[in-house]
Structure formats: structure tokens, C-alpha cells
């Protein structure tokens, strides 16, 4: 079954009704008796796999990528979501780029802590977030 590694597949698992998993087969671990599938790297034990077949081109899922369009964060909920989803954020101060493609670790009412450990003020900076698509 190692010939499926690196290829988009559809995997039927468990008893009927089958659990269906689609994605790229990442690893076929003979020693661990499991296959790893998808960009989330879900491990499936060999005894649960009923059938594997190639995924048709129209059924293939695209890997997640950043949206081309970003939006300016102003509300507390937007900052909460950026922290929770580890969204890509660009920070500007006027026309000067402060941080590019970073993530927000935490935020308070007036400040934001970036992944680099840098703390910036919400009132002096503009935060542009780009969500993950797919």
C-alpha cells in the first residue's frame, strides 16, 4: 500500500455506514500499523481501513492557503478570532510596516502581543488579518 503515499485518496473506514476520509495519504507506517491522511494528519489504524482508492480530480480538496484579501481589525471579537485561529496578521504604523505575516498571541483592551513577543498599542497601529481558506 505504500504506492498510495503522496497521492490524493479516498479512504473508507470502520463498519457500515463507513467513515469516509479524503485527502493526501501522508504516511504508511508499517511498524505502527497506521496510515496518516490529510493536512490535519489524522492517524487511522490498519484494522479500521476497509478500502482505499484514488481520488478523482474533481473530488480533490485544495490545501489551505491565505486569502488574497485582508480586512482591518477593529472589534474585540475580531482580535479574539485571530488569536484562536492563529490567523496571519500584518501590523502597520502609519505607512511603516511593523510586522508581516505574524500571529497574535494575546490582546487586551489597549495592546496586542505578537508571536515575536513584541507588544504594540491598538490605538497607534493598524492590524490587517488574512484568514485561511480551505
N, C-alpha and C. Protein backbone atom coordinates (compact mmCIF):
# COMPACT_ATOMS: atom_id res chain seq x y z
N UNK A 1 0.79 -1.20 0.00
CA UNK A 1 0.00 0.00 0.00
C UNK A 1 0.83 1.26 0.00
N UNK A 2 2.14 1.13 0.09
CA UNK A 2 3.00 2.30 0.10
C UNK A 2 2.92 3.09 -1.20
N UNK A 3 2.40 2.49 -2.26
CA UNK A 3 2.29 3.20 -3.54
C UNK A 3 1.26 4.33 -3.47
N UNK A 4 0.41 4.37 -2.42
CA UNK A 4 -0.58 5.43 -2.25
C UNK A 4 0.01 6.67 -1.57
N UNK A 5 1.16 6.56 -0.93
CA UNK A 5 1.75 7.68 -0.18
C UNK A 5 2.04 8.84 -1.14
N UNK A 6 1.57 10.04 -0.74
CA UNK A 6 1.77 11.24 -1.54
C UNK A 6 0.68 11.47 -2.58
N UNK A 7 -0.28 10.57 -2.67
CA UNK A 7 -1.35 10.69 -3.67
C UNK A 7 -2.68 11.03 -3.00
N UNK A 8 -3.55 11.79 -3.68
CA UNK A 8 -4.88 12.05 -3.14
C UNK A 8 -5.72 10.77 -3.19
N UNK A 9 -6.28 10.41 -2.05
CA UNK A 9 -7.06 9.17 -1.94
C UNK A 9 -8.37 9.42 -1.22
N UNK A 10 -9.26 8.44 -1.33
CA UNK A 10 -10.46 8.38 -0.52
C UNK A 10 -10.37 7.07 0.25
N UNK A 11 -10.55 7.16 1.57
CA UNK A 11 -10.36 6.01 2.44
C UNK A 11 -11.69 5.71 3.16
N UNK A 12 -12.15 4.47 3.05
CA UNK A 12 -13.35 4.03 3.74
C UNK A 12 -12.92 3.30 5.01
N UNK A 13 -13.46 3.72 6.15
CA UNK A 13 -13.02 3.16 7.43
C UNK A 13 -14.21 2.70 8.26
N UNK A 14 -13.96 1.72 9.13
CA UNK A 14 -14.96 1.25 10.09
C UNK A 14 -15.99 0.35 9.47
N UNK A 15 -17.11 0.20 10.18
CA UNK A 15 -18.22 -0.64 9.73
C UNK A 15 -19.21 0.22 8.96
N UNK A 16 -20.13 -0.46 8.25
CA UNK A 16 -21.15 0.28 7.51
C UNK A 16 -22.07 0.97 8.48
N UNK A 17 -22.48 2.20 8.29
CA UNK A 17 -22.05 3.11 7.23
C UNK A 17 -20.60 3.54 7.47
N UNK A 18 -19.80 3.49 6.42
CA UNK A 18 -18.38 3.78 6.51
C UNK A 18 -18.10 5.24 6.82
N UNK A 19 -17.02 5.47 7.55
CA UNK A 19 -16.49 6.82 7.72
C UNK A 19 -15.61 7.07 6.51
N UNK A 20 -15.87 8.15 5.78
CA UNK A 20 -15.12 8.44 4.56
C UNK A 20 -14.16 9.59 4.82
N UNK A 21 -12.89 9.37 4.47
CA UNK A 21 -11.85 10.39 4.62
C UNK A 21 -11.24 10.66 3.26
N UNK A 22 -11.10 11.94 2.94
CA UNK A 22 -10.48 12.35 1.67
C UNK A 22 -9.24 13.18 1.98
N UNK A 23 -8.21 13.01 1.17
CA UNK A 23 -7.00 13.81 1.33
C UNK A 23 -5.79 13.08 0.80
N UNK A 24 -4.64 13.69 1.00
CA UNK A 24 -3.38 13.10 0.57
C UNK A 24 -2.91 12.13 1.64
N UNK A 25 -2.56 10.92 1.24
CA UNK A 25 -2.03 9.94 2.18
C UNK A 25 -0.60 10.36 2.51
N UNK A 26 -0.37 10.81 3.74
CA UNK A 26 0.92 11.36 4.16
C UNK A 26 1.94 10.29 4.52
N UNK A 27 1.47 9.23 5.18
CA UNK A 27 2.43 8.23 5.68
C UNK A 27 1.75 6.87 5.78
N UNK A 28 2.51 5.83 5.49
CA UNK A 28 2.06 4.45 5.67
C UNK A 28 3.04 3.82 6.63
N UNK A 29 2.68 3.74 7.91
CA UNK A 29 3.58 3.29 8.97
C UNK A 29 3.34 1.82 9.28
N UNK A 30 4.15 0.96 8.69
CA UNK A 30 4.02 -0.48 8.87
C UNK A 30 4.29 -0.87 10.31
N UNK A 31 5.31 -0.26 10.93
CA UNK A 31 5.68 -0.60 12.30
C UNK A 31 4.59 -0.18 13.29
N UNK A 32 3.99 0.98 13.07
CA UNK A 32 2.94 1.47 13.96
C UNK A 32 1.56 1.00 13.58
N UNK A 33 1.44 0.27 12.48
CA UNK A 33 0.18 -0.26 11.96
C UNK A 33 -0.88 0.83 11.77
N UNK A 34 -0.45 1.94 11.13
CA UNK A 34 -1.40 3.01 10.86
C UNK A 34 -1.01 3.81 9.63
N UNK A 35 -2.04 4.43 9.04
CA UNK A 35 -1.86 5.33 7.91
C UNK A 35 -2.20 6.73 8.38
N UNK A 36 -1.50 7.74 7.83
CA UNK A 36 -1.74 9.13 8.18
C UNK A 36 -2.26 9.82 6.93
N UNK A 37 -3.44 10.49 7.05
CA UNK A 37 -4.10 11.10 5.89
C UNK A 37 -4.45 12.56 6.15
N UNK A 38 -4.38 13.37 5.10
CA UNK A 38 -4.85 14.75 5.13
C UNK A 38 -3.87 15.73 5.71
N UNK A 39 -4.17 17.04 5.50
CA UNK A 39 -3.29 18.09 6.01
C UNK A 39 -3.39 18.22 7.52
N UNK A 40 -4.43 17.63 8.12
CA UNK A 40 -4.55 17.60 9.58
C UNK A 40 -3.82 16.40 10.16
N UNK A 41 -3.30 15.54 9.30
CA UNK A 41 -2.52 14.36 9.66
C UNK A 41 -3.27 13.47 10.66
N UNK A 42 -4.40 12.94 10.20
CA UNK A 42 -5.22 12.05 11.01
C UNK A 42 -4.66 10.63 10.89
N UNK A 43 -4.35 10.01 12.02
CA UNK A 43 -3.82 8.64 12.04
C UNK A 43 -4.99 7.66 12.07
N UNK A 44 -4.96 6.70 11.14
CA UNK A 44 -6.02 5.68 11.04
C UNK A 44 -5.36 4.30 11.18
N UNK A 45 -5.77 3.52 12.19
CA UNK A 45 -5.20 2.18 12.35
C UNK A 45 -5.56 1.28 11.16
N UNK A 46 -4.65 0.39 10.79
CA UNK A 46 -4.86 -0.51 9.64
C UNK A 46 -6.14 -1.32 9.78
N UNK A 47 -6.46 -1.78 11.00
CA UNK A 47 -7.64 -2.64 11.16
C UNK A 47 -8.94 -1.89 10.88
N UNK A 48 -8.93 -0.55 10.90
CA UNK A 48 -10.14 0.23 10.61
C UNK A 48 -10.33 0.51 9.12
N UNK A 49 -9.28 0.33 8.31
CA UNK A 49 -9.34 0.65 6.88
C UNK A 49 -10.01 -0.49 6.13
N UNK A 50 -11.09 -0.18 5.41
CA UNK A 50 -11.80 -1.18 4.63
C UNK A 50 -11.34 -1.14 3.18
N UNK A 51 -11.18 0.08 2.63
CA UNK A 51 -10.89 0.22 1.21
C UNK A 51 -10.23 1.56 0.96
N UNK A 52 -9.25 1.59 0.05
CA UNK A 52 -8.60 2.83 -0.37
C UNK A 52 -8.63 2.88 -1.89
N UNK A 53 -8.99 4.05 -2.43
CA UNK A 53 -8.93 4.22 -3.88
C UNK A 53 -8.48 5.64 -4.21
N UNK A 54 -8.02 5.84 -5.44
CA UNK A 54 -7.55 7.16 -5.87
C UNK A 54 -8.71 8.13 -5.91
N UNK A 55 -8.45 9.36 -5.53
CA UNK A 55 -9.47 10.40 -5.53
C UNK A 55 -9.54 11.01 -6.93
N UNK A 56 -10.75 11.09 -7.48
CA UNK A 56 -10.95 11.68 -8.80
C UNK A 56 -10.57 13.16 -8.76
N UNK A 57 -10.05 13.70 -9.87
CA UNK A 57 -9.62 15.11 -9.87
C UNK A 57 -10.68 16.09 -9.40
N UNK A 58 -11.95 15.86 -9.74
CA UNK A 58 -12.99 16.80 -9.32
C UNK A 58 -13.33 16.68 -7.84
N UNK A 59 -12.91 15.59 -7.17
CA UNK A 59 -13.18 15.40 -5.75
C UNK A 59 -12.04 15.88 -4.86
N UNK A 60 -10.92 16.24 -5.44
CA UNK A 60 -9.75 16.60 -4.65
C UNK A 60 -9.95 17.91 -3.92
N UNK A 61 -9.53 17.94 -2.69
CA UNK A 61 -9.59 19.16 -1.88
C UNK A 61 -8.28 19.92 -2.06
N UNK A 62 -8.38 21.21 -2.16
CA UNK A 62 -7.20 22.03 -2.27
C UNK A 62 -6.62 22.28 -0.88
N UNK A 63 -5.28 22.36 -0.77
CA UNK A 63 -4.70 22.63 0.54
C UNK A 63 -5.06 24.04 1.00
N UNK A 64 -5.13 24.26 2.30
CA UNK A 64 -5.49 25.59 2.77
C UNK A 64 -4.44 26.61 2.38
N UNK A 65 -4.89 27.83 2.06
CA UNK A 65 -3.98 28.92 1.74
C UNK A 65 -4.59 30.23 2.20
N UNK A 66 -3.75 31.25 2.30
CA UNK A 66 -4.22 32.54 2.78
C UNK A 66 -5.08 33.23 1.73
N UNK A 67 -6.16 33.87 2.18
CA UNK A 67 -6.96 34.68 1.28
C UNK A 67 -6.13 35.85 0.77
N UNK A 68 -6.38 36.27 -0.45
CA UNK A 68 -5.66 37.40 -1.04
C UNK A 68 -6.12 38.72 -0.44
N UNK A 69 -7.35 38.75 0.04
CA UNK A 69 -7.92 39.98 0.58
C UNK A 69 -7.90 39.94 2.10
N UNK A 70 -7.43 41.02 2.71
CA UNK A 70 -7.41 41.11 4.15
C UNK A 70 -8.39 42.18 4.61
N UNK A 71 -8.64 42.24 5.91
CA UNK A 71 -9.50 43.29 6.43
C UNK A 71 -8.90 43.84 7.72
N UNK A 72 -9.23 45.08 8.02
CA UNK A 72 -8.71 45.77 9.20
C UNK A 72 -9.52 45.34 10.41
N UNK A 73 -8.82 44.92 11.45
CA UNK A 73 -9.48 44.51 12.69
C UNK A 73 -9.72 45.73 13.57
N UNK A 74 -10.95 45.85 14.07
CA UNK A 74 -11.31 46.96 14.95
C UNK A 74 -12.03 46.49 16.20
N UNK A 75 -12.78 45.41 16.09
CA UNK A 75 -13.61 44.92 17.19
C UNK A 75 -12.86 43.87 18.03
N UNK A 76 -13.24 43.77 19.30
CA UNK A 76 -12.63 42.80 20.21
C UNK A 76 -12.79 41.36 19.69
N UNK A 77 -13.97 41.05 19.15
CA UNK A 77 -14.26 39.71 18.63
C UNK A 77 -13.30 39.33 17.50
N UNK A 78 -12.94 40.29 16.66
CA UNK A 78 -12.01 40.02 15.56
C UNK A 78 -10.63 39.65 16.10
N UNK A 79 -10.18 40.35 17.15
CA UNK A 79 -8.90 40.02 17.76
C UNK A 79 -8.96 38.64 18.43
N UNK A 80 -10.08 38.35 19.10
CA UNK A 80 -10.25 37.03 19.73
C UNK A 80 -10.16 35.92 18.69
N UNK A 81 -10.83 36.11 17.55
CA UNK A 81 -10.80 35.10 16.49
C UNK A 81 -9.41 34.95 15.89
N UNK A 82 -8.68 36.05 15.73
CA UNK A 82 -7.32 35.99 15.19
C UNK A 82 -6.40 35.20 16.12
N UNK A 83 -6.59 35.35 17.44
CA UNK A 83 -5.80 34.59 18.41
C UNK A 83 -6.19 33.12 18.34
N UNK A 84 -7.49 32.84 18.36
CA UNK A 84 -7.98 31.47 18.38
C UNK A 84 -7.60 30.68 17.14
N UNK A 85 -7.75 31.29 15.95
CA UNK A 85 -7.47 30.60 14.69
C UNK A 85 -6.04 30.77 14.21
N UNK A 86 -5.21 31.49 14.98
CA UNK A 86 -3.80 31.73 14.61
C UNK A 86 -3.71 32.31 13.19
N UNK A 87 -4.54 33.32 12.94
CA UNK A 87 -4.60 33.94 11.62
C UNK A 87 -3.35 34.76 11.35
N UNK A 88 -3.03 34.90 10.08
CA UNK A 88 -1.89 35.70 9.65
C UNK A 88 -2.26 37.18 9.73
N UNK A 89 -1.44 37.95 10.45
CA UNK A 89 -1.72 39.37 10.68
C UNK A 89 -0.52 40.20 10.24
N UNK A 90 -0.81 41.32 9.58
CA UNK A 90 0.20 42.31 9.23
C UNK A 90 -0.09 43.56 10.04
N UNK A 91 0.95 44.13 10.65
CA UNK A 91 0.79 45.29 11.53
C UNK A 91 1.45 46.50 10.89
N UNK A 92 0.70 47.62 10.83
CA UNK A 92 1.19 48.86 10.25
C UNK A 92 1.13 49.98 11.28
N UNK A 93 2.08 50.89 11.22
CA UNK A 93 2.04 52.13 11.99
C UNK A 93 2.19 53.25 10.98
N UNK A 94 1.05 53.85 10.62
CA UNK A 94 1.05 54.83 9.53
C UNK A 94 1.34 54.10 8.23
N UNK A 95 2.38 54.54 7.54
CA UNK A 95 2.78 53.85 6.30
C UNK A 95 4.00 52.96 6.50
N UNK A 96 4.37 52.71 7.76
CA UNK A 96 5.52 51.87 8.08
C UNK A 96 5.05 50.47 8.48
N UNK A 97 5.65 49.46 7.87
CA UNK A 97 5.34 48.07 8.18
C UNK A 97 6.07 47.66 9.46
N UNK A 98 5.31 47.27 10.48
CA UNK A 98 5.89 46.88 11.77
C UNK A 98 6.13 45.37 11.81
N UNK A 99 5.15 44.59 11.36
CA UNK A 99 5.28 43.13 11.37
C UNK A 99 4.50 42.56 10.19
N UNK A 100 5.10 41.57 9.51
CA UNK A 100 4.48 40.96 8.34
C UNK A 100 4.24 39.48 8.60
N UNK A 101 3.03 39.00 8.27
CA UNK A 101 2.66 37.58 8.42
C UNK A 101 3.03 37.02 9.79
N UNK A 102 2.59 37.67 10.82
CA UNK A 102 2.81 37.20 12.18
C UNK A 102 1.48 36.75 12.76
N UNK A 103 1.50 36.22 13.95
CA UNK A 103 0.26 35.85 14.63
C UNK A 103 0.17 36.61 15.94
N UNK A 104 -1.04 36.74 16.43
CA UNK A 104 -1.28 37.41 17.70
C UNK A 104 -1.38 36.35 18.79
N UNK A 105 -0.58 36.52 19.85
CA UNK A 105 -0.58 35.59 20.97
C UNK A 105 -1.70 35.95 21.95
N UNK A 106 -1.84 37.23 22.26
CA UNK A 106 -2.88 37.69 23.17
C UNK A 106 -3.16 39.16 22.92
N UNK A 107 -4.27 39.64 23.50
CA UNK A 107 -4.58 41.07 23.39
C UNK A 107 -5.37 41.50 24.61
N UNK A 108 -5.25 42.79 24.93
CA UNK A 108 -6.04 43.41 25.99
C UNK A 108 -6.82 44.54 25.36
N UNK A 109 -7.44 45.37 26.21
CA UNK A 109 -8.25 46.47 25.68
C UNK A 109 -7.42 47.45 24.86
N UNK A 110 -6.16 47.66 25.22
CA UNK A 110 -5.36 48.66 24.53
C UNK A 110 -4.12 48.17 23.83
N UNK A 111 -3.72 46.90 24.02
CA UNK A 111 -2.47 46.42 23.41
C UNK A 111 -2.61 45.01 22.86
N UNK A 112 -1.65 44.66 22.02
CA UNK A 112 -1.61 43.35 21.36
C UNK A 112 -0.21 42.79 21.52
N UNK A 113 -0.09 41.50 21.86
CA UNK A 113 1.21 40.83 21.93
C UNK A 113 1.34 39.92 20.72
N UNK A 114 2.40 40.15 19.94
CA UNK A 114 2.65 39.38 18.71
C UNK A 114 3.46 38.13 19.02
N UNK A 115 3.56 37.22 18.05
CA UNK A 115 4.29 35.97 18.22
C UNK A 115 5.76 36.21 18.54
N UNK A 116 6.32 37.32 18.09
CA UNK A 116 7.72 37.64 18.35
C UNK A 116 7.94 38.12 19.78
N UNK A 117 6.85 38.34 20.54
CA UNK A 117 6.96 38.85 21.90
C UNK A 117 6.79 40.36 21.96
N UNK A 118 6.75 41.00 20.83
CA UNK A 118 6.61 42.45 20.74
C UNK A 118 5.19 42.86 21.14
N UNK A 119 5.07 43.90 21.95
CA UNK A 119 3.77 44.42 22.36
C UNK A 119 3.54 45.75 21.65
N UNK A 120 2.39 45.89 20.99
CA UNK A 120 2.07 47.12 20.25
C UNK A 120 0.70 47.63 20.71
N UNK A 121 0.50 48.93 20.62
CA UNK A 121 -0.74 49.56 21.04
C UNK A 121 -1.78 49.51 19.93
N UNK A 122 -3.02 49.22 20.30
CA UNK A 122 -4.09 49.15 19.31
C UNK A 122 -4.39 50.52 18.71
N UNK A 123 -4.31 51.57 19.51
CA UNK A 123 -4.64 52.91 19.04
C UNK A 123 -3.64 53.49 18.05
N UNK A 124 -2.40 53.04 18.10
CA UNK A 124 -1.34 53.59 17.24
C UNK A 124 -1.07 52.74 16.01
N UNK A 125 -1.64 51.56 15.93
CA UNK A 125 -1.33 50.62 14.86
C UNK A 125 -2.59 50.15 14.14
N UNK A 126 -2.41 49.69 12.91
CA UNK A 126 -3.48 49.10 12.11
C UNK A 126 -3.16 47.63 11.94
N UNK A 127 -4.14 46.77 12.23
CA UNK A 127 -3.95 45.32 12.17
C UNK A 127 -4.79 44.78 11.00
N UNK A 128 -4.11 44.21 10.01
CA UNK A 128 -4.79 43.65 8.84
C UNK A 128 -4.66 42.13 8.91
N UNK A 129 -5.80 41.44 8.94
CA UNK A 129 -5.81 39.99 9.08
C UNK A 129 -6.21 39.34 7.76
N UNK A 130 -5.60 38.19 7.49
CA UNK A 130 -5.96 37.37 6.33
C UNK A 130 -6.31 35.99 6.84
N UNK A 131 -7.51 35.54 6.56
CA UNK A 131 -7.95 34.24 7.02
C UNK A 131 -7.42 33.13 6.15
N UNK A 132 -7.52 31.91 6.68
CA UNK A 132 -7.08 30.71 5.95
C UNK A 132 -8.26 30.19 5.16
N UNK A 133 -8.08 29.98 3.87
CA UNK A 133 -9.15 29.49 3.01
C UNK A 133 -8.93 28.03 2.70
N UNK A 134 -9.98 27.23 2.86
CA UNK A 134 -9.88 25.80 2.56
C UNK A 134 -9.82 25.03 3.79
